[in-house]
Amino acid sequence: MAEKYIIKQSGALCGEIEIGGAKNAVLPVLAATILTGQKCRIQNVPNLSDVESMCVLLESLGGKRDWNKQKGTLDIDTSKLDCSDASYEIVGKLRASFLVLGPLLARLGRAKVSLPGGCAIGTRPVDLHLKGFVALGAKIDHSHGYVTVDAPKLVGAKVYLDFPSVGATENIIMAATLAEGQTILENCAVEPEIVDLANFLNAAGADIRGAGTDTIKINGVKELIGTVHSVIPDRIEAGTFMVAAAITRGDILLTNVLGDHVKPVIAKLKETNIIVEELDTGIRVRYEEGVDVVAADIKTLPYPGFPTDMQAQFMSLMATAKGTSIMTETVFENRFMQVGELKRMGADIKIESRSAVIEGVKRLAGTQVVASDLRAGAALVLAALRAEGTTEISGLHHIDRGYYHLDKQLNKLGANIKRVQA
């Protein structure tokens, strides 16, 4: 049944928050367990609907899972995996489900996967994934909304990506792990989540070098074994709570966060006059009384640039800052879906092609808004914390994909949020 948030204006949020495991790291790791054919234990697993969807997909292929959600431990056993067809009903809910294509191809020699779903934030074509598979010796067939990939044997090759796609980098790495010979992947993505995937695979017996740089070399091995792996902290969840401190003019200490992973967010917060301190215990984000929060221009870029997944949240902050900011989105062409709803709350935002011009306003006003995607939903929650009066946000299933009990987490810091039936 549909639910909604009822959010009343909050004062300064203060306290301590522990950041969970990274959604965008655990999903490819779960897909990669297919390659082992054994039991793997994944730790620091966030309790998110997207993780549940990936588990359901693995079960549909013949895998088994045992998820201790309290401990954040997920055991995956793919020893009995015998199906290479991923159904539309599951794949349509989760774009990351396309990541099973490479592991299935490497292990079973064939994979049939529905074209992926997920947030409607742009086309995000899968052609780069398929280009890599073809280079390794696979044949591709498109029909009736499905992609079928066949390869009795994969052979290492040199692959150059036209764009440093995270998903394509991950999928090709996984396929190449069991290929014959060496694969050299150039112009690949360098996100921390790719390093985490490579660390998991290497622990399982793979030979992957260069993850975190734009050239990765994968020496194929005959088999992988089961292993234990702890997922890195979620840098986007961390960034969202950092903005929560800034937009409410609060003081929050974030624990279980890696400062190197949130450098662009830290830099931009400092530009706005928010104080960010990297301590032994975590990262403290706080507002200095009497100092204006000022506008800052932002351009999204692949890592290590400013993350597209933080653009919407920062737009909410800039809507309350002093001055004019310009946000340019270079990664996805349809990622300003929160703008219309923020304008309903009183924000002054104009869209010009792939840029948004934001004039800071003195006040936002609560109203009824709808979350259109995961990060847009987070942006509306942040804006509602600052807005005068009461805000109702529906479309919570989007928010649940990337944040576990966001309302309860924020309430612990002093917010006033209720989750009710819509």
Foldseek 3Di string as FASTA:
>chain_A
DWWWKKFAAFAFFEDEDEFAFAPLQVLLLLLLVLQFLAKAKEARAAPFVQVVLSQVQLVVQPKDWDADNVRRIIIIHNNRGDHQEGDCVSQQDYQSNCLNQLSCCQPVQKHKYFHGHAFPQADPDCVLLVQLLVQQPWDWDDDDRMIMIGGPAGAADEGEGPAQDASSLSSSLSNQQAHAAKHKYAQHAQAVSQVQSVVSQVQQPWDWPDRNHRIIMTGHDNGGHYYYGYGQGHLLVVLLVLLLNLQSQHKYFYASHDCQNNVQSQVQQVVQVWDWDQDPRGIMTHHDPPDFRAEEEAEDDGPPHDHLLCQLQVLLSNQAGAAKYKYAYDPHQRSPVLVVVQVVQPWDWDDDRRMIIGHHDNAGAADEDEQSAQSSQSNVVSNNNGHHGIHMYIPCSRVSNGDDPPVVSSVVRGIDMDMGHD
